[in-house]
Structure formats: C-alpha cells, structure tokens
C-alpha cells in the first residue's frame, strides 16, 4: 500500500489489501482508503473480505465470469469480488 500511495497517482488499485490481517488492522486499512478517497483519489479494490466491504463507504460492483453488476444494496449472505471506488 505504501508504494501505491507514494506514487501520487490519481487512480490506485489494490488486490486483497486485507488478506491475512486481523480485524483491527483491517479497520486501519479501511481508514487509510477512506482518507485517500477524501483526498480525491479513485480507488479500486478487489476483495473477498465481507467485513472490509462493510467498513468502507463505497460503490460496489458484483463481478462474475460474464457480467459486472453495480450493486447499491448488498445481500449479506452473498460473497463476491468487489470493486470499491
């Protein structure tokens, strides 16, 4: 994450940034991404981490093999990749 942030790019892509983290550190990552968003960055995140998805105020897209569907409401029992922007 530090390398992406230091790059000063306007669009950042993170693949499973909370993989292997406990809940406390996952919330810290969520906080960093929220601050980046507030700085005007566009952030794309691929994740399976349902708690992380809930911790971030984001636009969420459900992705599968053939479609990309924008989701405003999320079915809590559904697990999916999410793009958070």
Protein backbone atom coordinates (compact mmCIF):
# COMPACT_ATOMS: atom_id res chain seq x y z
CA UNK A 1 0.00 0.00 0.00
CA UNK A 2 2.77 2.42 0.85
CA UNK A 3 4.27 2.17 -2.62
CA UNK A 4 0.91 2.87 -4.27
CA UNK A 5 0.27 5.85 -2.01
CA UNK A 6 3.79 7.22 -2.52
CA UNK A 7 3.34 7.06 -6.30
CA UNK A 8 0.95 10.02 -6.07
CA UNK A 9 -1.21 8.55 -8.83
CA UNK A 10 -4.84 9.61 -9.12
CA UNK A 11 -6.10 6.02 -9.51
CA UNK A 12 -5.00 3.27 -7.13
CA UNK A 13 -5.68 -0.47 -7.47
CA UNK A 14 -5.43 -2.85 -4.52
CA UNK A 15 -5.81 -6.63 -4.77
CA UNK A 16 -6.89 -8.21 -1.45
CA UNK A 17 -5.29 -5.49 0.73
CA UNK A 18 -6.62 -7.06 3.94
CA UNK A 19 -5.52 -10.63 3.22
CA UNK A 20 -4.07 -12.13 6.40
CA UNK A 21 -4.94 -9.14 8.59
CA UNK A 22 -6.87 -9.30 11.83
CA UNK A 23 -10.00 -7.17 12.34
CA UNK A 24 -8.13 -4.28 14.00
CA UNK A 25 -5.61 -3.94 11.17
CA UNK A 26 -8.35 -4.39 8.54
CA UNK A 27 -10.07 -1.34 10.04
CA UNK A 28 -6.80 0.59 9.80
CA UNK A 29 -6.55 -0.25 6.09
CA UNK A 30 -10.17 0.85 5.64
CA UNK A 31 -9.31 4.14 7.32
CA UNK A 32 -6.35 4.72 5.01
CA UNK A 33 -8.50 4.06 1.93
CA UNK A 34 -11.20 6.43 3.21
CA UNK A 35 -8.60 9.17 3.69
CA UNK A 36 -7.27 8.59 0.17
CA UNK A 37 -10.82 8.80 -1.17
CA UNK A 38 -11.32 12.10 0.69
CA UNK A 39 -8.12 13.36 -0.97
CA UNK A 40 -9.78 12.83 -4.36
CA UNK A 41 -8.15 9.53 -5.28
CA UNK A 42 -10.04 6.90 -7.24
CA UNK A 43 -9.57 3.57 -5.51
CA UNK A 44 -10.30 0.14 -6.94
CA UNK A 45 -10.18 -2.81 -4.56
CA UNK A 46 -10.63 -6.49 -5.33
CA UNK A 47 -11.62 -8.34 -2.17
CA UNK A 48 -13.49 -11.28 -0.67
CA UNK A 49 -13.41 -9.67 2.79
CA UNK A 50 -17.05 -9.03 3.71
CA UNK A 51 -16.17 -7.11 6.90
CA UNK A 52 -13.85 -4.87 4.91
CA UNK A 53 -16.56 -4.17 2.34
CA UNK A 54 -18.91 -3.16 5.15
CA UNK A 55 -16.26 -0.93 6.76
CA UNK A 56 -15.88 1.26 3.68
CA UNK A 57 -18.41 3.71 2.30
CA UNK A 58 -18.16 2.71 -1.34
CA UNK A 59 -19.78 1.93 -4.64
CA UNK A 60 -19.78 -1.82 -5.02
CA UNK A 61 -19.86 -3.92 -8.17
CA UNK A 62 -20.55 -7.63 -8.22
CA UNK A 63 -18.27 -9.33 -10.72
CA UNK A 64 -18.62 -12.81 -12.15
CA UNK A 65 -17.35 -14.58 -15.24
CA UNK A 66 -19.64 -12.81 -17.69
CA UNK A 67 -21.15 -9.73 -16.04
CA UNK A 68 -20.39 -6.71 -13.93
CA UNK A 69 -23.40 -5.53 -11.97
CA UNK A 70 -23.46 -2.35 -9.93
CA UNK A 71 -24.90 -3.07 -6.51
CA UNK A 72 -26.31 -0.45 -4.18
CA UNK A 73 -27.73 -2.87 -1.61
CA UNK A 74 -25.80 -5.96 -0.62
CA UNK A 75 -27.19 -9.33 0.37
CA UNK A 76 -25.14 -10.15 3.48
CA UNK A 77 -25.07 -13.87 2.71
CA UNK A 78 -23.54 -13.26 -0.71
CA UNK A 79 -19.78 -13.44 -1.11
CA UNK A 80 -18.23 -11.83 -4.17
CA UNK A 81 -15.33 -9.85 -5.58
CA UNK A 82 -15.99 -6.15 -5.19
CA UNK A 83 -14.65 -3.11 -6.89
CA UNK A 84 -14.67 -0.23 -4.42
CA UNK A 85 -14.44 3.21 -5.94
